[in-house]
């Protein structure tokens, strides 16, 4: 029980500042028998009596103590029944996937109906794509701060805010509520140690990203390292073995001569361990990306789409957030003006008024700067940029981290899915692309089907 003023009253009673505590009803003093008996005993030891106006209980007689004890029992029973009724009502609403007061970034609500926030839902979506595109989490929450995003408590977003968002199934359309408990009231956890939700409904709320993207973020987060590792594995979190959906991870080992080797590892259906050399696989992927960017028609098309995307602008969420903040400040300023007009001395609100005016000026300047931002890139600049990558001017690790979204390893071939915002690739499309690669290679009998040891990976 945390009631600061109540605890202060008990402290004052021990200091003999009064002789009696009078409440309207006993249940106003406590709704728990243990609290009732404990704090009433504290008052008695200080020579202070507890009295009730409504129940007409005065003095410290045996009859008064009996009445207070019985009333405390009834108050606890009513409180427990109210909690049961409230929980039953919330469970019923949860099963209908209704809004229950839990605020999530990117979401809003219309009464009981959960809706997408038109300003922040696109920003939350972008955060998922950025993370899969190997943008560090610190850069993601830094970008959110620049846009004026806030947590549900009104604080600036940080590492754990972004991490929790990327792990939260809600953004894939899964509605969850509460925690499942056993008969002893202990929280039940799954194999990963995560509490099992009392209600879980797939498709129970609007999705910001597809479940494929959400699961990819969850998988990559399991291998994400906040600090810099001794050896980097840039494909970790986005390298899959065939169409099994199993992630490959990085490992190292020592040879008999003491030399360190680095691998990407996976296990088959019989749990047998397989590996491929890190450098060999990464080189195949980088080579495939550069070969794709040698296609002039494709590069032209990508350049046009990129310039169009920049022209559309990405500052609208920031402008909307700043405008909302400006409205709040202007309303506060008007309330201060009204208070002075109603007779409040100006000196009493002067510092707050001047502070509000300064904040308004800052927000107005921020909006002006955001509205003045324009894209300066043109199609030829972007084409030259892609051509420089194809020519080898960009290092391999940067290509793997920022250009490659997903890699599927088929032992004989490697297929890389490149990043482009707004375009997702499902497993069906990957399978078709893989079949096209194999057919293309089979149509060249003089070369045979390329392997990871001597072939060229495909890229889309």
Protein backbone atom coordinates (compact mmCIF):
# COMPACT_ATOMS: atom_id res chain seq x y z
CA UNK A 1 0.00 0.00 0.00
CA UNK A 2 1.60 3.26 -1.13
CA UNK A 3 -0.42 6.26 0.10
CA UNK A 4 2.01 9.09 0.96
CA UNK A 5 -0.49 11.28 2.78
CA UNK A 6 -1.91 8.32 4.70
CA UNK A 7 1.59 7.28 5.82
CA UNK A 8 2.31 10.88 6.82
CA UNK A 9 -0.85 10.82 8.97
CA UNK A 10 0.40 7.64 10.74
CA UNK A 11 3.76 9.33 11.32
CA UNK A 12 2.04 12.43 12.75
CA UNK A 13 -0.02 10.18 15.04
CA UNK A 14 3.18 8.68 16.47
CA UNK A 15 4.35 12.24 17.12
CA UNK A 16 1.11 12.85 19.11
CA UNK A 17 -0.13 15.65 16.86
CA UNK A 18 -3.81 14.60 17.32
CA UNK A 19 -5.96 12.29 19.43
CA UNK A 20 -8.33 10.71 16.87
CA UNK A 21 -8.63 9.85 13.19
CA UNK A 22 -12.15 10.25 11.79
CA UNK A 23 -13.18 8.69 8.45
CA UNK A 24 -16.49 8.79 6.61
CA UNK A 25 -16.56 4.97 6.36
CA UNK A 26 -14.15 2.31 7.56
CA UNK A 27 -13.44 1.19 3.98
CA UNK A 28 -11.94 4.67 3.41
CA UNK A 29 -9.24 3.79 5.95
CA UNK A 30 -8.28 0.45 4.34
CA UNK A 31 -9.79 -2.21 2.08
CA UNK A 32 -7.51 -4.96 3.27
CA UNK A 33 -7.84 -6.67 6.67
CA UNK A 34 -4.09 -6.87 7.18
CA UNK A 35 -3.67 -3.14 6.49
CA UNK A 36 -6.67 -2.33 8.67
CA UNK A 37 -5.39 -4.25 11.70
CA UNK A 38 -1.76 -3.18 11.23
CA UNK A 39 -2.30 0.57 10.94
CA UNK A 40 -5.06 0.69 13.53
CA UNK A 41 -2.64 -1.00 15.94
CA UNK A 42 -0.05 1.67 15.08
CA UNK A 43 -2.60 4.34 15.97
CA UNK A 44 -3.55 2.62 19.22
CA UNK A 45 0.06 2.36 20.33
CA UNK A 46 0.29 6.14 19.76
CA UNK A 47 -2.86 6.71 21.81
CA UNK A 48 -4.97 7.66 18.77
CA UNK A 49 -8.46 6.21 18.19
CA UNK A 50 -10.05 5.39 14.80
CA UNK A 51 -13.65 6.60 14.39
CA UNK A 52 -16.24 6.37 11.61
CA UNK A 53 -19.00 8.91 11.00
CA UNK A 54 -21.20 6.82 8.69
CA UNK A 55 -21.12 3.68 10.86
CA UNK A 56 -21.32 5.76 14.08
CA UNK A 57 -18.24 4.13 15.61
CA UNK A 58 -16.46 6.11 18.34
CA UNK A 59 -14.08 5.40 21.15
CA UNK A 60 -11.91 2.33 21.77
CA UNK A 61 -14.46 -0.04 23.29
CA UNK A 62 -14.62 -3.78 22.56
CA UNK A 63 -17.88 -3.28 20.63
CA UNK A 64 -16.26 -0.59 18.46
CA UNK A 65 -13.28 -2.86 17.71
CA UNK A 66 -15.64 -5.72 16.75
CA UNK A 67 -17.62 -3.49 14.42
CA UNK A 68 -14.48 -2.17 12.76
CA UNK A 69 -13.16 -5.72 12.31
CA UNK A 70 -16.37 -6.94 10.67
CA UNK A 71 -16.55 -3.88 8.42
CA UNK A 72 -12.92 -4.43 7.36
CA UNK A 73 -13.76 -8.02 6.36
CA UNK A 74 -16.74 -6.86 4.28
CA UNK A 75 -14.64 -4.11 2.65
CA UNK A 76 -12.00 -6.65 1.60
CA UNK A 77 -14.62 -9.03 0.19
CA UNK A 78 -16.18 -6.20 -1.82
CA UNK A 79 -12.75 -5.13 -3.10
CA UNK A 80 -11.86 -8.68 -4.15
CA UNK A 81 -15.21 -9.17 -5.89
CA UNK A 82 -14.80 -5.83 -7.68
CA UNK A 83 -11.36 -6.94 -8.88
CA UNK A 84 -12.81 -10.23 -10.16
CA UNK A 85 -15.63 -8.41 -11.96
CA UNK A 86 -13.19 -5.92 -13.48
CA UNK A 87 -10.87 -8.70 -14.65
CA UNK A 88 -13.81 -10.61 -16.15
CA UNK A 89 -14.91 -7.50 -18.04
CA UNK A 90 -11.39 -6.80 -19.32
CA UNK A 91 -10.96 -10.43 -20.37
CA UNK A 92 -14.20 -10.21 -22.35
CA UNK A 93 -13.01 -7.06 -24.12
CA UNK A 94 -9.61 -8.60 -24.75
CA UNK A 95 -11.17 -11.63 -26.43
CA UNK A 96 -12.91 -9.20 -28.76
CA UNK A 97 -9.53 -7.50 -29.41
CA UNK A 98 -10.68 -4.16 -28.04
CA UNK A 99 -8.58 -1.26 -26.75
CA UNK A 100 -7.78 -1.63 -23.04
CA UNK A 101 -5.70 1.45 -22.34
CA UNK A 102 -2.31 0.02 -23.39
CA UNK A 103 -0.60 2.64 -25.55
CA UNK A 104 1.69 1.47 -28.35
CA UNK A 105 3.78 3.64 -30.60
CA UNK A 106 2.21 3.85 -34.06
CA UNK A 107 -1.29 2.99 -32.85
CA UNK A 108 -4.34 4.99 -31.77
CA UNK A 109 -7.94 4.06 -31.01
CA UNK A 110 -11.48 5.08 -31.85
CA UNK A 111 -13.39 4.16 -28.71
CA UNK A 112 -12.78 0.43 -28.23
CA UNK A 113 -11.43 -0.06 -31.77
CA UNK A 114 -7.66 -0.08 -32.22
CA UNK A 115 -6.56 1.98 -35.23
CA UNK A 116 -3.32 2.99 -36.92
CA UNK A 117 -1.90 6.39 -36.07
CA UNK A 118 -1.66 8.18 -39.45
CA UNK A 119 1.47 10.07 -38.34
CA UNK A 120 3.50 7.49 -36.42
CA UNK A 121 2.48 4.18 -38.01
CA UNK A 122 4.63 4.86 -41.13
CA UNK A 123 7.54 5.78 -38.84
CA UNK A 124 7.18 2.50 -36.90
CA UNK A 125 7.08 0.63 -40.22
CA UNK A 126 10.24 2.39 -41.38
CA UNK A 127 12.01 1.42 -38.13
CA UNK A 128 11.42 -2.27 -38.92
CA UNK A 129 12.80 -1.95 -42.46
CA UNK A 130 15.76 0.08 -41.22
CA UNK A 131 16.63 -2.58 -38.65
CA UNK A 132 16.49 -5.35 -41.25
CA UNK A 133 18.65 -3.12 -43.43
CA UNK A 134 21.32 -3.22 -40.67
CA UNK A 135 20.75 0.32 -39.41
CA UNK A 136 22.00 0.33 -35.76
CA UNK A 137 19.34 0.70 -33.09
CA UNK A 138 21.04 3.83 -31.75
CA UNK A 139 20.59 5.45 -35.16
CA UNK A 140 16.93 4.39 -35.24
CA UNK A 141 16.04 5.94 -31.89
CA UNK A 142 18.14 8.98 -32.77
CA UNK A 143 16.01 9.43 -35.89
CA UNK A 144 12.82 9.00 -33.82
CA UNK A 145 13.97 11.74 -31.48
CA UNK A 146 14.62 14.08 -34.40
CA UNK A 147 11.03 13.52 -35.55
CA UNK A 148 9.72 14.37 -32.07
CA UNK A 149 8.52 10.88 -31.15
CA UNK A 150 7.77 10.19 -27.47
CA UNK A 151 7.20 7.12 -25.33
CA UNK A 152 3.84 6.53 -23.64
CA UNK A 153 5.32 8.28 -20.57
CA UNK A 154 6.31 11.32 -22.65
CA UNK A 155 10.06 10.58 -22.59
CA UNK A 156 12.47 10.47 -25.53
CA UNK A 157 12.74 7.00 -27.12
CA UNK A 158 15.91 5.03 -26.40
CA UNK A 159 17.47 1.64 -27.02
CA UNK A 160 14.92 -0.40 -25.05
CA UNK A 161 12.01 1.46 -26.65
CA UNK A 162 13.15 0.43 -30.14
CA UNK A 163 14.14 -3.08 -29.02
CA UNK A 164 10.71 -3.72 -27.45
CA UNK A 165 8.97 -2.41 -30.57
CA UNK A 166 10.98 -4.71 -32.84
CA UNK A 167 10.19 -7.73 -30.62
CA UNK A 168 6.49 -6.88 -30.16
CA UNK A 169 4.20 -9.13 -32.23
CA UNK A 170 1.49 -6.47 -32.15
CA UNK A 171 3.13 -4.68 -35.07
CA UNK A 172 2.51 -7.81 -37.13
CA UNK A 173 -1.21 -7.71 -36.26
CA UNK A 174 -1.14 -10.05 -33.24
CA UNK A 175 -3.36 -8.88 -30.36
CA UNK A 176 -2.06 -9.88 -26.91
CA UNK A 177 -3.24 -9.05 -23.42
CA UNK A 178 -2.42 -10.06 -19.87
CA UNK A 179 -0.34 -12.94 -18.56
CA UNK A 180 -1.45 -16.53 -18.10
CA UNK A 181 -1.11 -17.75 -14.50
CA UNK A 182 -1.35 -21.15 -12.80
CA UNK A 183 -3.63 -22.05 -9.89
CA UNK A 184 -1.11 -20.58 -7.44
CA UNK A 185 -1.02 -17.25 -9.22
CA UNK A 186 2.44 -17.72 -10.74
CA UNK A 187 3.08 -16.40 -14.26
CA UNK A 188 3.42 -19.20 -16.83
CA UNK A 189 6.39 -18.81 -19.19
CA UNK A 190 7.17 -20.40 -22.54
CA UNK A 191 10.37 -22.23 -23.53
CA UNK A 192 12.20 -18.94 -24.09
CA UNK A 193 11.28 -17.62 -20.63
CA UNK A 194 8.74 -15.14 -21.99
CA UNK A 195 5.36 -14.86 -20.15
CA UNK A 196 2.51 -16.56 -22.02
CA UNK A 197 -0.25 -14.00 -22.78
CA UNK A 198 -3.72 -14.68 -21.40
CA UNK A 199 -5.19 -13.67 -24.77
CA UNK A 200 -3.42 -13.99 -28.11
CA UNK A 201 -5.27 -13.46 -31.41
CA UNK A 202 -3.42 -13.41 -34.74
CA UNK A 203 -4.91 -10.77 -37.01
CA UNK A 204 -6.70 -9.25 -34.03
CA UNK A 205 -5.45 -5.72 -34.71
CA UNK A 206 -4.26 -3.71 -37.71
CA UNK A 207 -0.75 -4.70 -38.79
CA UNK A 208 1.97 -2.13 -39.43
CA UNK A 209 4.29 -4.71 -41.04
CA UNK A 210 3.74 -8.22 -42.36
CA UNK A 211 4.33 -11.20 -40.05
CA UNK A 212 7.26 -12.18 -42.27
CA UNK A 213 8.95 -8.85 -41.60
CA UNK A 214 8.07 -9.01 -37.91
CA UNK A 215 9.47 -12.54 -37.54
CA UNK A 216 12.62 -11.50 -39.40
CA UNK A 217 13.09 -8.65 -36.90
CA UNK A 218 12.58 -11.02 -33.97
CA UNK A 219 15.05 -13.52 -35.43
CA UNK A 220 17.65 -10.86 -36.12
CA UNK A 221 17.24 -9.37 -32.64
CA UNK A 222 18.26 -12.73 -31.15
CA UNK A 223 21.68 -12.34 -32.74
CA UNK A 224 21.93 -8.56 -32.46
CA UNK A 225 24.89 -7.30 -30.46
CA UNK A 226 24.68 -3.88 -28.89
CA UNK A 227 28.45 -3.48 -28.69
CA UNK A 228 30.98 -4.11 -31.41
CA UNK A 229 31.98 -7.76 -31.69
CA UNK A 230 35.58 -8.93 -32.04
CA UNK A 231 34.68 -10.41 -35.44
CA UNK A 232 31.69 -9.12 -37.40
CA UNK A 233 29.22 -11.41 -39.15
CA UNK A 234 27.27 -8.93 -41.29
CA UNK A 235 24.85 -11.59 -42.59
CA UNK A 236 23.76 -12.72 -39.11
CA UNK A 237 20.03 -12.27 -38.63
CA UNK A 238 19.27 -12.33 -42.37
CA UNK A 239 20.97 -15.49 -43.63
CA UNK A 240 18.65 -18.50 -43.98
CA UNK A 241 19.29 -22.08 -44.92
CA UNK A 242 17.09 -22.94 -47.92
CA UNK A 243 13.33 -22.42 -47.47
CA UNK A 244 13.29 -23.91 -43.96
CA UNK A 245 13.21 -20.52 -42.27
CA UNK A 246 16.19 -21.56 -40.12
CA UNK A 247 18.69 -18.81 -39.46
CA UNK A 248 22.39 -19.47 -39.95
CA UNK A 249 24.73 -18.01 -37.35
CA UNK A 250 28.42 -17.19 -37.12
CA UNK A 251 30.98 -19.39 -35.40
CA UNK A 252 34.76 -19.57 -35.25
CA UNK A 253 37.17 -22.43 -34.67
CA UNK A 254 40.89 -23.13 -34.30
CA UNK A 255 42.86 -25.45 -36.53
CA UNK A 256 45.63 -27.73 -35.26
CA UNK A 257 48.14 -25.09 -36.31
CA UNK A 258 46.38 -22.44 -34.21
CA UNK A 259 44.84 -20.58 -37.13
CA UNK A 260 41.32 -19.19 -36.60
CA UNK A 261 38.61 -19.97 -39.15
CA UNK A 262 35.24 -18.26 -39.40
CA UNK A 263 32.02 -19.92 -40.59
CA UNK A 264 28.30 -19.51 -41.02
CA UNK A 265 26.68 -22.60 -39.47
CA UNK A 266 23.32 -24.39 -39.72
CA UNK A 267 21.85 -27.75 -38.71
CA UNK A 268 19.71 -30.02 -40.87
CA UNK A 269 16.58 -31.97 -39.91
CA UNK A 270 18.73 -34.61 -38.16
CA UNK A 271 20.49 -31.86 -36.18
CA UNK A 272 23.73 -32.50 -38.04
CA UNK A 273 26.02 -29.50 -38.14
CA UNK A 274 26.98 -27.95 -41.50
CA UNK A 275 29.07 -24.89 -42.23
CA UNK A 276 30.32 -22.67 -45.02
CA UNK A 277 33.33 -20.41 -44.89
CA UNK A 278 32.40 -16.87 -43.90
CA UNK A 279 34.59 -15.10 -46.44
CA UNK A 280 33.57 -17.39 -49.30
CA UNK A 281 29.85 -16.91 -48.75
CA UNK A 282 30.10 -13.16 -48.25
CA UNK A 283 32.20 -12.80 -51.39
CA UNK A 284 29.57 -14.71 -53.42
CA UNK A 285 26.82 -12.39 -52.18
CA UNK A 286 28.79 -9.20 -52.80
CA UNK A 287 29.74 -10.42 -56.28
CA UNK A 288 26.07 -11.12 -57.02
CA UNK A 289 25.02 -7.63 -55.88
CA UNK A 290 27.64 -5.99 -58.07
CA UNK A 291 26.59 -8.10 -61.05
CA UNK A 292 22.97 -7.02 -60.59
CA UNK A 293 24.04 -3.36 -60.57
CA UNK A 294 25.76 -3.83 -63.92
CA UNK A 295 22.26 -4.04 -65.44
CA UNK A 296 21.83 -0.50 -66.83
CA UNK A 297 18.04 -0.72 -67.26
CA UNK A 298 17.58 -1.91 -63.68
CA UNK A 299 19.86 0.80 -62.33
CA UNK A 300 17.92 3.48 -64.24
CA UNK A 301 14.64 2.19 -62.85
CA UNK A 302 15.99 2.13 -59.28
CA UNK A 303 17.33 5.66 -59.68
CA UNK A 304 13.96 6.98 -60.87
CA UNK A 305 12.14 5.36 -57.97
CA UNK A 306 14.67 6.63 -55.44
CA UNK A 307 14.44 10.23 -56.67
CA UNK A 308 10.64 10.00 -56.61
CA UNK A 309 10.79 8.74 -53.04
CA UNK A 310 13.01 11.67 -51.98
CA UNK A 311 10.74 14.15 -53.76
CA UNK A 312 7.78 12.79 -51.81
CA UNK A 313 9.59 13.79 -48.64
CA UNK A 314 9.95 12.06 -45.32
CA UNK A 315 9.43 15.02 -42.99
CA UNK A 316 5.64 14.93 -42.78
CA UNK A 317 5.53 12.98 -39.47
CA UNK A 318 8.00 15.44 -37.94
CA UNK A 319 5.99 18.45 -39.18
CA UNK A 320 2.74 16.96 -37.81
CA UNK A 321 4.32 16.26 -34.42
CA UNK A 322 5.73 19.80 -34.25
CA UNK A 323 2.37 21.30 -35.22
CA UNK A 324 0.62 19.32 -32.47
CA UNK A 325 3.19 20.53 -29.94
CA UNK A 326 2.72 24.10 -31.19
CA UNK A 327 -1.05 23.88 -30.68
CA UNK A 328 -0.53 22.72 -27.09
CA UNK A 329 1.84 25.60 -26.34
CA UNK A 330 -0.45 28.17 -27.94
CA UNK A 331 -3.35 26.87 -25.85
CA UNK A 332 -1.22 27.17 -22.71
CA UNK A 333 -0.28 30.73 -23.66
CA UNK A 334 -3.96 31.63 -24.18
CA UNK A 335 -4.87 30.14 -20.78
CA UNK A 336 -2.23 32.33 -19.13
CA UNK A 337 -3.62 35.39 -20.92
CA UNK A 338 -7.14 34.49 -19.76
CA UNK A 339 -5.93 34.05 -16.19
CA UNK A 340 -4.40 37.56 -16.18
CA UNK A 341 -7.60 38.94 -17.71
CA UNK A 342 -9.59 37.34 -14.87
CA UNK A 343 -7.54 39.17 -12.26
CA UNK A 344 -4.46 37.06 -11.62
CA UNK A 345 -1.37 39.26 -11.10
CA UNK A 346 0.86 39.20 -14.18
CA UNK A 347 4.02 38.84 -12.06
CA UNK A 348 2.69 35.48 -10.87
CA UNK A 349 2.66 34.03 -14.38
CA UNK A 350 5.32 36.17 -16.03
CA UNK A 351 8.14 33.58 -16.02
CA UNK A 352 5.84 30.84 -17.34
CA UNK A 353 4.45 33.15 -20.02
CA UNK A 354 7.92 34.13 -21.25
CA UNK A 355 9.09 30.49 -21.21
CA UNK A 356 6.04 29.49 -23.27
CA UNK A 357 6.71 32.23 -25.82
CA UNK A 358 10.30 31.02 -26.22
CA UNK A 359 9.13 27.45 -26.73
CA UNK A 360 6.60 28.59 -29.33
CA UNK A 361 9.32 30.42 -31.24
CA UNK A 362 11.55 27.31 -31.20
CA UNK A 363 8.75 25.11 -32.54
CA UNK A 364 7.88 27.62 -35.25
CA UNK A 365 11.52 27.70 -36.38
CA UNK A 366 11.63 23.90 -36.39
CA UNK A 367 8.52 23.71 -38.59
CA UNK A 368 9.98 26.32 -40.95
CA UNK A 369 13.22 24.36 -41.28
CA UNK A 370 11.41 21.07 -41.87
CA UNK A 371 9.15 22.59 -44.52
CA UNK A 372 12.22 24.00 -46.24
CA UNK A 373 13.90 20.61 -46.60
CA UNK A 374 13.94 19.40 -50.21
CA UNK A 375 15.60 16.52 -51.99
CA UNK A 376 18.61 17.62 -54.00
CA UNK A 377 19.53 14.28 -55.59
CA UNK A 378 18.87 13.77 -59.29
CA UNK A 379 18.63 10.62 -61.37
CA UNK A 380 22.12 10.88 -62.86
CA UNK A 381 23.71 11.23 -59.40
CA UNK A 382 21.97 8.06 -58.22
CA UNK A 383 22.94 6.17 -61.38
CA UNK A 384 26.59 7.11 -60.89
CA UNK A 385 26.35 6.02 -57.26
CA UNK A 386 25.07 2.55 -58.24
CA UNK A 387 27.69 2.30 -60.97
CA UNK A 388 30.42 3.08 -58.46
CA UNK A 389 29.18 0.20 -56.29
CA UNK A 390 29.22 -2.15 -59.26
CA UNK A 391 32.78 -1.01 -60.04
CA UNK A 392 33.94 -1.90 -56.52
CA UNK A 393 34.21 1.56 -54.96
CA UNK A 394 32.12 0.49 -51.91
CA UNK A 395 33.59 -1.97 -49.41
CA UNK A 396 32.05 -5.44 -49.09
CA UNK A 397 30.82 -5.11 -45.51
CA UNK A 398 28.89 -1.92 -46.28
CA UNK A 399 27.15 -3.69 -49.17
CA UNK A 400 26.21 -6.64 -46.95
CA UNK A 401 24.90 -4.43 -44.16
CA UNK A 402 23.01 -1.76 -46.06
CA UNK A 403 22.06 -3.21 -49.45
CA UNK A 404 21.24 -6.82 -48.61
CA UNK A 405 17.94 -7.48 -46.86
CA UNK A 406 17.87 -11.29 -46.85
CA UNK A 407 20.07 -14.13 -48.08
CA UNK A 408 18.90 -17.69 -48.77
CA UNK A 409 21.67 -20.30 -48.97
CA UNK A 410 20.92 -23.36 -51.11
CA UNK A 411 24.43 -24.90 -50.93
CA UNK A 412 24.69 -24.92 -54.75
CA UNK A 413 23.42 -21.35 -55.12
CA UNK A 414 22.99 -18.21 -53.07
CA UNK A 415 20.03 -15.86 -53.49
CA UNK A 416 20.16 -12.33 -52.10
CA UNK A 417 17.13 -10.05 -51.62
CA UNK A 418 18.15 -6.40 -51.86
CA UNK A 419 16.72 -3.56 -49.81
CA UNK A 420 14.16 -1.22 -51.30
CA UNK A 421 11.64 0.45 -49.00
CA UNK A 422 8.04 -0.57 -49.51
CA UNK A 423 8.92 -3.73 -51.44
CA UNK A 424 8.77 -7.00 -49.52
CA UNK A 425 9.66 -10.42 -50.87
CA UNK A 426 7.81 -13.50 -49.65
CA UNK A 427 9.00 -17.12 -49.76
CA UNK A 428 6.99 -17.87 -52.91
CA UNK A 429 8.84 -15.17 -54.86
CA UNK A 430 12.19 -16.43 -53.53
CA UNK A 431 11.37 -19.98 -54.63
CA UNK A 432 10.44 -18.84 -58.13
CA UNK A 433 13.62 -16.77 -58.39
CA UNK A 434 15.67 -19.75 -57.24
CA UNK A 435 14.09 -21.96 -59.89
CA UNK A 436 14.89 -19.35 -62.56
CA UNK A 437 18.51 -19.25 -61.48
CA UNK A 438 18.87 -23.03 -61.63
CA UNK A 439 17.15 -23.18 -65.06
CA UNK A 440 19.45 -20.45 -66.36
CA UNK A 441 22.52 -22.31 -65.15
CA UNK A 442 21.26 -25.66 -66.47
CA UNK A 443 20.81 -24.09 -69.90
CA UNK A 444 24.59 -23.71 -70.03
CA UNK A 445 25.83 -27.36 -70.01
CA UNK A 446 29.43 -26.33 -70.63
CA UNK A 447 29.53 -24.63 -67.22
CA UNK A 448 27.28 -26.92 -65.18
CA UNK A 449 25.40 -25.95 -62.04
CA UNK A 450 27.54 -23.56 -60.01
CA UNK A 451 28.39 -24.49 -56.44
CA UNK A 452 29.34 -22.32 -53.52
CA UNK A 453 32.94 -23.22 -54.27
CA UNK A 454 33.04 -22.16 -57.89
CA UNK A 455 29.75 -20.51 -58.86
CA UNK A 456 28.13 -17.10 -58.81
CA UNK A 457 25.25 -16.30 -56.50
CA UNK A 458 22.03 -14.93 -57.88
CA UNK A 459 20.48 -11.67 -56.75
CA UNK A 460 17.08 -10.02 -57.09
